[in-house]
Structures are given as C-alpha cells and as structure tokens.
Amino acid sequence: ATRQFIVKGLAALGHQISSSGDGRDGLFQATDGR
C-alpha cells in the first residue's frame, strides 16, 4: 500500500518510477539502472 501510494503520487508529478518490494532486487535495480 505504501509503495503504490508513493509510486502513483510521484508518477502523477511527471517522474519516471520503478519499484521493488525486496531489498536484494532493489539493490540489483539500483546498480543496474541510472
């Protein structure tokens, strides 16, 4: 619920959003993307 709340809010402001609910996957995305 918190993740979707943040994602929808920031996307509505025009930002490009990616998300993850897991720490290891989050680390992979953070190091793999810009």
PDB file of all heavy atoms in Angstrom:
ATOM      1  N   ALA A   1       0.824  -1.207   0.000  1.00  0.00           N
ATOM      2  CA  ALA A   1       0.000   0.000   0.000  1.00  0.00           C
ATOM      3  C   ALA A   1       0.860   1.259   0.000  1.00  0.00           C
ATOM      4  O   ALA A   1       0.592   2.215  -0.743  1.00  0.00           O
ATOM      5  CB  ALA A   1      -0.932  -0.009   1.205  1.00  0.00           C
ATOM      6  N   THR A   2       1.910   1.261   0.833  1.00  0.00           N
ATOM      7  CA  THR A   2       2.803   2.420   0.895  1.00  0.00           C
ATOM      8  C   THR A   2       3.550   2.603  -0.421  1.00  0.00           C
ATOM      9  O   THR A   2       3.687   3.722  -0.917  1.00  0.00           O
ATOM     10  CB  THR A   2       3.821   2.254   2.043  1.00  0.00           C
ATOM     11  OG1 THR A   2       3.123   2.106   3.275  1.00  0.00           O
ATOM     12  CG2 THR A   2       4.740   3.472   2.129  1.00  0.00           C
ATOM     13  N   ARG A   3       4.011   1.485  -0.993  1.00  0.00           N
ATOM     14  CA  ARG A   3       4.754   1.567  -2.253  1.00  0.00           C
ATOM     15  C   ARG A   3       3.885   2.139  -3.373  1.00  0.00           C
ATOM     16  O   ARG A   3       4.309   3.033  -4.106  1.00  0.00           O
ATOM     17  CB  ARG A   3       5.285   0.184  -2.642  1.00  0.00           C
ATOM     18  CG  ARG A   3       6.192   0.228  -3.874  1.00  0.00           C
ATOM     19  CD  ARG A   3       6.911  -1.092  -4.108  1.00  0.00           C
ATOM     20  NE  ARG A   3       6.021  -2.158  -4.543  1.00  0.00           N
ATOM     21  CZ  ARG A   3       5.654  -3.190  -3.785  1.00  0.00           C
ATOM     22  NH1 ARG A   3       6.101  -3.299  -2.548  1.00  0.00           N
ATOM     23  NH2 ARG A   3       4.847  -4.114  -4.257  1.00  0.00           N
ATOM     24  N   GLN A   4       2.660   1.638  -3.495  1.00  0.00           N
ATOM     25  CA  GLN A   4       1.772   2.130  -4.546  1.00  0.00           C
ATOM     26  C   GLN A   4       1.378   3.586  -4.324  1.00  0.00           C
ATOM     27  O   GLN A   4       1.213   4.348  -5.278  1.00  0.00           O
ATOM     28  CB  GLN A   4       0.528   1.243  -4.635  1.00  0.00           C
ATOM     29  CG  GLN A   4       0.798  -0.163  -5.158  1.00  0.00           C
ATOM     30  CD  GLN A   4       1.479  -0.139  -6.515  1.00  0.00           C
ATOM     31  OE1 GLN A   4       1.116   0.643  -7.407  1.00  0.00           O
ATOM     32  NE2 GLN A   4       2.486  -0.998  -6.683  1.00  0.00           N
ATOM     33  N   PHE A   5       1.234   3.969  -3.065  1.00  0.00           N
ATOM     34  CA  PHE A   5       0.914   5.363  -2.717  1.00  0.00           C
ATOM     35  C   PHE A   5       2.016   6.296  -3.215  1.00  0.00           C
ATOM     36  O   PHE A   5       1.754   7.330  -3.841  1.00  0.00           O
ATOM     37  CB  PHE A   5       0.759   5.463  -1.200  1.00  0.00           C
ATOM     38  CG  PHE A   5       0.621   6.865  -0.674  1.00  0.00           C
ATOM     39  CD1 PHE A   5      -0.496   7.628  -0.939  1.00  0.00           C
ATOM     40  CD2 PHE A   5       1.639   7.411   0.103  1.00  0.00           C
ATOM     41  CE1 PHE A   5      -0.617   8.924  -0.444  1.00  0.00           C
ATOM     42  CE2 PHE A   5       1.535   8.698   0.607  1.00  0.00           C
ATOM     43  CZ  PHE A   5       0.401   9.458   0.333  1.00  0.00           C
ATOM     44  N   ILE A   6       3.269   5.905  -2.966  1.00  0.00           N
ATOM     45  CA  ILE A   6       4.402   6.734  -3.391  1.00  0.00           C
ATOM     46  C   ILE A   6       4.549   6.708  -4.913  1.00  0.00           C
ATOM     47  O   ILE A   6       4.752   7.748  -5.549  1.00  0.00           O
ATOM     48  CB  ILE A   6       5.705   6.233  -2.728  1.00  0.00           C
ATOM     49  CG1 ILE A   6       5.612   6.346  -1.212  1.00  0.00           C
ATOM     50  CG2 ILE A   6       6.906   7.034  -3.246  1.00  0.00           C
ATOM     51  CD1 ILE A   6       6.776   5.689  -0.481  1.00  0.00           C
ATOM     52  N   VAL A   7       4.443   5.521  -5.499  1.00  0.00           N
ATOM     53  CA  VAL A   7       4.607   5.380  -6.949  1.00  0.00           C
ATOM     54  C   VAL A   7       3.585   6.228  -7.694  1.00  0.00           C
ATOM     55  O   VAL A   7       3.927   6.996  -8.606  1.00  0.00           O
ATOM     56  CB  VAL A   7       4.480   3.899  -7.369  1.00  0.00           C
ATOM     57  CG1 VAL A   7       4.341   3.780  -8.881  1.00  0.00           C
ATOM     58  CG2 VAL A   7       5.687   3.103  -6.894  1.00  0.00           C
ATOM     59  N   LYS A   8       2.316   6.114  -7.315  1.00  0.00           N
ATOM     60  CA  LYS A   8       1.265   6.854  -8.005  1.00  0.00           C
ATOM     61  C   LYS A   8       1.426   8.356  -7.814  1.00  0.00           C
ATOM     62  O   LYS A   8       1.234   9.141  -8.744  1.00  0.00           O
ATOM     63  CB  LYS A   8      -0.107   6.405  -7.502  1.00  0.00           C
ATOM     64  CG  LYS A   8      -0.476   4.994  -7.946  1.00  0.00           C
ATOM     65  CD  LYS A   8      -1.843   4.581  -7.414  1.00  0.00           C
ATOM     66  CE  LYS A   8      -2.198   3.164  -7.852  1.00  0.00           C
ATOM     67  NZ  LYS A   8      -3.515   2.730  -7.310  1.00  0.00           N
ATOM     68  N   GLY A   9       1.797   8.766  -6.593  1.00  0.00           N
ATOM     69  CA  GLY A   9       1.959  10.185  -6.321  1.00  0.00           C
ATOM     70  C   GLY A   9       3.094  10.810  -7.113  1.00  0.00           C
ATOM     71  O   GLY A   9       2.927  11.886  -7.714  1.00  0.00           O
ATOM     72  N   LEU A  10       4.250  10.152  -7.141  1.00  0.00           N
ATOM     73  CA  LEU A  10       5.400  10.693  -7.873  1.00  0.00           C
ATOM     74  C   LEU A  10       5.188  10.622  -9.378  1.00  0.00           C
ATOM     75  O   LEU A  10       5.606  11.514 -10.119  1.00  0.00           O
ATOM     76  CB  LEU A  10       6.676   9.956  -7.477  1.00  0.00           C
ATOM     77  CG  LEU A  10       7.163  10.198  -6.034  1.00  0.00           C
ATOM     78  CD1 LEU A  10       8.393   9.346  -5.738  1.00  0.00           C
ATOM     79  CD2 LEU A  10       7.487  11.673  -5.796  1.00  0.00           C
ATOM     80  N   ALA A  11       4.527   9.553  -9.850  1.00  0.00           N
ATOM     81  CA  ALA A  11       4.239   9.441 -11.281  1.00  0.00           C
ATOM     82  C   ALA A  11       3.302  10.557 -11.725  1.00  0.00           C
ATOM     83  O   ALA A  11       3.440  11.102 -12.828  1.00  0.00           O
ATOM     84  CB  ALA A  11       3.632   8.077 -11.591  1.00  0.00           C
ATOM     85  N   ALA A  12       2.347  10.919 -10.861  1.00  0.00           N
ATOM     86  CA  ALA A  12       1.410  11.998 -11.184  1.00  0.00           C
ATOM     87  C   ALA A  12       2.120  13.337 -11.310  1.00  0.00           C
ATOM     88  O   ALA A  12       1.621  14.251 -11.986  1.00  0.00           O
ATOM     89  CB  ALA A  12       0.317  12.082 -10.121  1.00  0.00           C
ATOM     90  N   LEU A  13       3.289  13.464 -10.682  1.00  0.00           N
ATOM     91  CA  LEU A  13       4.076  14.690 -10.782  1.00  0.00           C
ATOM     92  C   LEU A  13       4.984  14.685 -12.006  1.00  0.00           C
ATOM     93  O   LEU A  13       5.755  15.632 -12.216  1.00  0.00           O
ATOM     94  CB  LEU A  13       4.908  14.873  -9.506  1.00  0.00           C
ATOM     95  CG  LEU A  13       4.116  15.127  -8.215  1.00  0.00           C
ATOM     96  CD1 LEU A  13       5.066  15.211  -7.019  1.00  0.00           C
ATOM     97  CD2 LEU A  13       3.295  16.411  -8.321  1.00  0.00           C
ATOM     98  N   GLY A  14       4.928  13.627 -12.795  1.00  0.00           N
ATOM     99  CA  GLY A  14       5.698  13.572 -14.031  1.00  0.00           C
ATOM    100  C   GLY A  14       7.003  12.804 -13.955  1.00  0.00           C
ATOM    101  O   GLY A  14       7.771  12.788 -14.918  1.00  0.00           O
ATOM    102  N   HIS A  15       7.281  12.169 -12.804  1.00  0.00           N
ATOM    103  CA  HIS A  15       8.530  11.413 -12.668  1.00  0.00           C
ATOM    104  C   HIS A  15       8.392  10.018 -13.288  1.00  0.00           C
ATOM    105  O   HIS A  15       7.293   9.470 -13.375  1.00  0.00           O
ATOM    106  CB  HIS A  15       8.911  11.293 -11.197  1.00  0.00           C
ATOM    107  CG  HIS A  15       9.121  12.601 -10.509  1.00  0.00           C
ATOM    108  ND1 HIS A  15      10.141  13.454 -10.848  1.00  0.00           N
ATOM    109  CD2 HIS A  15       8.422  13.225  -9.518  1.00  0.00           C
ATOM    110  CE1 HIS A  15      10.086  14.536 -10.093  1.00  0.00           C
ATOM    111  NE2 HIS A  15       9.051  14.424  -9.282  1.00  0.00           N
ATOM    112  N   GLN A  16       9.515   9.442 -13.687  1.00  0.00           N
ATOM    113  CA  GLN A  16       9.556   8.069 -14.185  1.00  0.00           C
ATOM    114  C   GLN A  16       9.909   7.157 -13.016  1.00  0.00           C
ATOM    115  O   GLN A  16      10.982   7.300 -12.425  1.00  0.00           O
ATOM    116  CB  GLN A  16      10.599   7.938 -15.292  1.00  0.00           C
ATOM    117  CG  GLN A  16      10.320   8.805 -16.512  1.00  0.00           C
ATOM    118  CD  GLN A  16      11.410   8.664 -17.553  1.00  0.00           C
ATOM    119  OE1 GLN A  16      11.778   7.573 -17.955  1.00  0.00           O
ATOM    120  NE2 GLN A  16      11.939   9.793 -18.009  1.00  0.00           N
ATOM    121  N   ILE A  17       9.022   6.234 -12.695  1.00  0.00           N
ATOM    122  CA  ILE A  17       9.152   5.459 -11.464  1.00  0.00           C
ATOM    123  C   ILE A  17       9.357   3.976 -11.741  1.00  0.00           C
ATOM    124  O   ILE A  17       8.674   3.376 -12.566  1.00  0.00           O
ATOM    125  CB  ILE A  17       7.893   5.618 -10.582  1.00  0.00           C
ATOM    126  CG1 ILE A  17       7.530   7.095 -10.399  1.00  0.00           C
ATOM    127  CG2 ILE A  17       8.117   4.946  -9.231  1.00  0.00           C
ATOM    128  CD1 ILE A  17       8.601   7.924  -9.735  1.00  0.00           C
ATOM    129  N   SER A  18      10.334   3.385 -11.035  1.00  0.00           N
ATOM    130  CA  SER A  18      10.498   1.935 -10.954  1.00  0.00           C
ATOM    131  C   SER A  18      10.337   1.573  -9.479  1.00  0.00           C
ATOM    132  O   SER A  18      10.541   2.418  -8.600  1.00  0.00           O
ATOM    133  CB  SER A  18      11.876   1.504 -11.452  1.00  0.00           C
ATOM    134  OG  SER A  18      12.063   1.881 -12.806  1.00  0.00           O
ATOM    135  N   SER A  19       9.983   0.323  -9.203  1.00  0.00           N
ATOM    136  CA  SER A  19       9.777  -0.025  -7.796  1.00  0.00           C
ATOM    137  C   SER A  19      10.106  -1.482  -7.534  1.00  0.00           C
ATOM    138  O   SER A  19      10.164  -2.310  -8.446  1.00  0.00           O
ATOM    139  CB  SER A  19       8.331   0.260  -7.376  1.00  0.00           C
ATOM    140  OG  SER A  19       7.428  -0.601  -8.046  1.00  0.00           O
ATOM    141  N   SER A  20      10.325  -1.769  -6.260  1.00  0.00           N
ATOM    142  CA  SER A  20      10.614  -3.127  -5.817  1.00  0.00           C
ATOM    143  C   SER A  20      10.161  -3.279  -4.372  1.00  0.00           C
ATOM    144  O   SER A  20      10.170  -2.308  -3.602  1.00  0.00           O
ATOM    145  CB  SER A  20      12.113  -3.426  -5.927  1.00  0.00           C
ATOM    146  OG  SER A  20      12.402  -4.719  -5.396  1.00  0.00           O
ATOM    147  N   GLY A  21       9.766  -4.491  -4.006  1.00  0.00           N
ATOM    148  CA  GLY A  21       9.370  -4.751  -2.629  1.00  0.00           C
ATOM    149  C   GLY A  21      10.383  -5.590  -1.882  1.00  0.00           C
ATOM    150  O   GLY A  21      10.120  -6.015  -0.749  1.00  0.00           O
ATOM    151  N   ASP A  22      11.541  -5.806  -2.486  1.00  0.00           N
ATOM    152  CA  ASP A  22      12.558  -6.686  -1.904  1.00  0.00           C
ATOM    153  C   ASP A  22      13.920  -5.993  -1.936  1.00  0.00           C
ATOM    154  O   ASP A  22      14.285  -5.362  -2.931  1.00  0.00           O
ATOM    155  CB  ASP A  22      12.615  -7.994  -2.699  1.00  0.00           C
ATOM    156  CG  ASP A  22      13.694  -8.935  -2.201  1.00  0.00           C
ATOM    157  OD1 ASP A  22      13.431  -9.678  -1.237  1.00  0.00           O
ATOM    158  OD2 ASP A  22      14.808  -8.911  -2.761  1.00  0.00           O
ATOM    159  N   GLY A  23      14.683  -6.145  -0.852  1.00  0.00           N
ATOM    160  CA  GLY A  23      15.970  -5.460  -0.759  1.00  0.00           C
ATOM    161  C   GLY A  23      16.990  -5.923  -1.783  1.00  0.00           C
ATOM    162  O   GLY A  23      17.698  -5.102  -2.366  1.00  0.00           O
ATOM    163  N   ARG A  24      17.067  -7.212  -2.033  1.00  0.00           N
ATOM    164  CA  ARG A  24      18.057  -7.715  -2.993  1.00  0.00           C
ATOM    165  C   ARG A  24      17.718  -7.282  -4.419  1.00  0.00           C
ATOM    166  O   ARG A  24      18.592  -6.871  -5.189  1.00  0.00           O
ATOM    167  CB  ARG A  24      18.156  -9.245  -2.916  1.00  0.00           C
ATOM    168  CG  ARG A  24      18.754  -9.737  -1.608  1.00  0.00           C
ATOM    169  CD  ARG A  24      19.106 -11.213  -1.674  1.00  0.00           C
ATOM    170  NE  ARG A  24      19.640 -11.671  -0.402  1.00  0.00           N
ATOM    171  CZ  ARG A  24      20.895 -11.488  -0.011  1.00  0.00           C
ATOM    172  NH1 ARG A  24      21.737 -10.870  -0.810  1.00  0.00           N
ATOM    173  NH2 ARG A  24      21.305 -11.932   1.158  1.00  0.00           N
ATOM    174  N   ASP A  25      16.445  -7.366  -4.755  1.00  0.00           N
ATOM    175  CA  ASP A  25      16.030  -6.910  -6.085  1.00  0.00           C
ATOM    176  C   ASP A  25      16.219  -5.396  -6.212  1.00  0.00           C
ATOM    177  O   ASP A  25      16.626  -4.895  -7.266  1.00  0.00           O
ATOM    178  CB  ASP A  25      14.558  -7.265  -6.327  1.00  0.00           C
ATOM    179  CG  ASP A  25      14.069  -6.769  -7.682  1.00  0.00           C
ATOM    180  OD1 ASP A  25      14.540  -7.292  -8.705  1.00  0.00           O
ATOM    181  OD2 ASP A  25      13.234  -5.844  -7.713  1.00  0.00           O
ATOM    182  N   GLY A  26      15.953  -4.682  -5.120  1.00  0.00           N
ATOM    183  CA  GLY A  26      16.154  -3.240  -5.130  1.00  0.00           C
ATOM    184  C   GLY A  26      17.613  -2.873  -5.364  1.00  0.00           C
ATOM    185  O   GLY A  26      17.918  -1.944  -6.112  1.00  0.00           O
ATOM    186  N   LEU A  27      18.520  -3.620  -4.744  1.00  0.00           N
ATOM    187  CA  LEU A  27      19.951  -3.384  -4.946  1.00  0.00           C
ATOM    188  C   LEU A  27      20.330  -3.656  -6.395  1.00  0.00           C
ATOM    189  O   LEU A  27      21.081  -2.874  -7.002  1.00  0.00           O
ATOM    190  CB  LEU A  27      20.762  -4.295  -4.014  1.00  0.00           C
ATOM    191  CG  LEU A  27      22.288  -4.227  -4.182  1.00  0.00           C
ATOM    192  CD1 LEU A  27      22.810  -2.841  -3.829  1.00  0.00           C
ATOM    193  CD2 LEU A  27      22.954  -5.291  -3.309  1.00  0.00           C
ATOM    194  N   PHE A  28      19.797  -4.734  -6.972  1.00  0.00           N
ATOM    195  CA  PHE A  28      20.089  -5.067  -8.361  1.00  0.00           C
ATOM    196  C   PHE A  28      19.612  -3.942  -9.287  1.00  0.00           C
ATOM    197  O   PHE A  28      20.342  -3.508 -10.185  1.00  0.00           O
ATOM    198  CB  PHE A  28      19.413  -6.378  -8.743  1.00  0.00           C
ATOM    199  CG  PHE A  28      19.533  -6.720 -10.199  1.00  0.00           C
ATOM    200  CD1 PHE A  28      20.704  -7.260 -10.712  1.00  0.00           C
ATOM    201  CD2 PHE A  28      18.470  -6.489 -11.063  1.00  0.00           C
ATOM    202  CE1 PHE A  28      20.821  -7.563 -12.064  1.00  0.00           C
ATOM    203  CE2 PHE A  28      18.589  -6.787 -12.412  1.00  0.00           C
ATOM    204  CZ  PHE A  28      19.755  -7.327 -12.913  1.00  0.00           C
ATOM    205  N   GLN A  29      18.390  -3.469  -9.057  1.00  0.00           N
ATOM    206  CA  GLN A  29      17.863  -2.398  -9.906  1.00  0.00           C
ATOM    207  C   GLN A  29      18.669  -1.106  -9.739  1.00  0.00           C
ATOM    208  O   GLN A  29      18.930  -0.393 -10.712  1.00  0.00           O
ATOM    209  CB  GLN A  29      16.395  -2.129  -9.574  1.00  0.00           C
ATOM    210  CG  GLN A  29      15.436  -3.218 -10.012  1.00  0.00           C
ATOM    211  CD  GLN A  29      14.002  -2.730 -10.022  1.00  0.00           C
ATOM    212  OE1 GLN A  29      13.672  -1.710 -10.615  1.00  0.00           O
ATOM    213  NE2 GLN A  29      13.127  -3.463  -9.343  1.00  0.00           N
ATOM    214  N   ALA A  30      19.051  -0.814  -8.508  1.00  0.00           N
ATOM    215  CA  ALA A  30      19.786   0.428  -8.242  1.00  0.00           C
ATOM    216  C   ALA A  30      21.148   0.437  -8.909  1.00  0.00           C
ATOM    217  O   ALA A  30      21.629   1.478  -9.368  1.00  0.00           O
ATOM    218  CB  ALA A  30      19.940   0.628  -6.734  1.00  0.00           C
ATOM    219  N   THR A  31      21.795  -0.724  -8.974  1.00  0.00           N
ATOM    220  CA  THR A  31      23.124  -0.800  -9.586  1.00  0.00           C
ATOM    221  C   THR A  31      23.047  -0.993 -11.089  1.00  0.00           C
ATOM    222  O   THR A  31      23.975  -0.636 -11.810  1.00  0.00           O
ATOM    223  CB  THR A  31      23.941  -1.957  -8.975  1.00  0.00           C
ATOM    224  OG1 THR A  31      23.182  -3.181  -9.078  1.00  0.00           O
ATOM    225  CG2 THR A  31      24.241  -1.687  -7.512  1.00  0.00           C
ATOM    226  N   ASP A  32      21.930  -1.540 -11.573  1.00  0.00           N
ATOM    227  CA  ASP A  32      21.802  -1.824 -12.997  1.00  0.00           C
ATOM    228  C   ASP A  32      21.248  -0.635 -13.785  1.00  0.00           C
ATOM    229  O   ASP A  32      21.540  -0.483 -14.971  1.00  0.00           O
ATOM    230  CB  ASP A  32      20.886  -3.034 -13.202  1.00  0.00           C
ATOM    231  CG  ASP A  32      20.860  -3.498 -14.644  1.00  0.00           C
ATOM    232  OD1 ASP A  32      21.939  -3.785 -15.176  1.00  0.00           O
ATOM    233  OD2 ASP A  32      19.760  -3.566 -15.230  1.00  0.00           O
ATOM    234  N   GLY A  33      20.472   0.227 -13.130  1.00  0.00           N
ATOM    235  CA  GLY A  33      19.853   1.352 -13.825  1.00  0.00           C
ATOM    236  C   GLY A  33      20.473   2.684 -13.455  1.00  0.00           C
ATOM    237  O   GLY A  33      21.287   2.780 -12.535  1.00  0.00           O
ATOM    238  N   ARG A  34      20.088   3.723 -14.223  1.00  0.00           N
ATOM    239  CA  ARG A  34      20.566   5.077 -13.952  1.00  0.00           C
ATOM    240  C   ARG A  34      19.408   5.872 -13.356  1.00  0.00           C
ATOM    241  O   ARG A  34      18.444   6.190 -14.041  1.00  0.00           O
ATOM    242  CB  ARG A  34      21.061   5.737 -15.241  1.00  0.00           C
ATOM    243  CG  ARG A  34      22.289   5.068 -15.840  1.00  0.00           C
ATOM    244  CD  ARG A  34      22.780   5.846 -17.046  1.00  0.00           C
ATOM    245  NE  ARG A  34      21.743   5.951 -18.070  1.00  0.00           N
ATOM    246  CZ  ARG A  34      21.869   6.683 -19.182  1.00  0.00           C
ATOM    247  NH1 ARG A  34      22.961   7.390 -19.375  1.00  0.00           N
ATOM    248  NH2 ARG A  34      20.901   6.715 -20.079  1.00  0.00           N
TER     249      ARG A  34
END
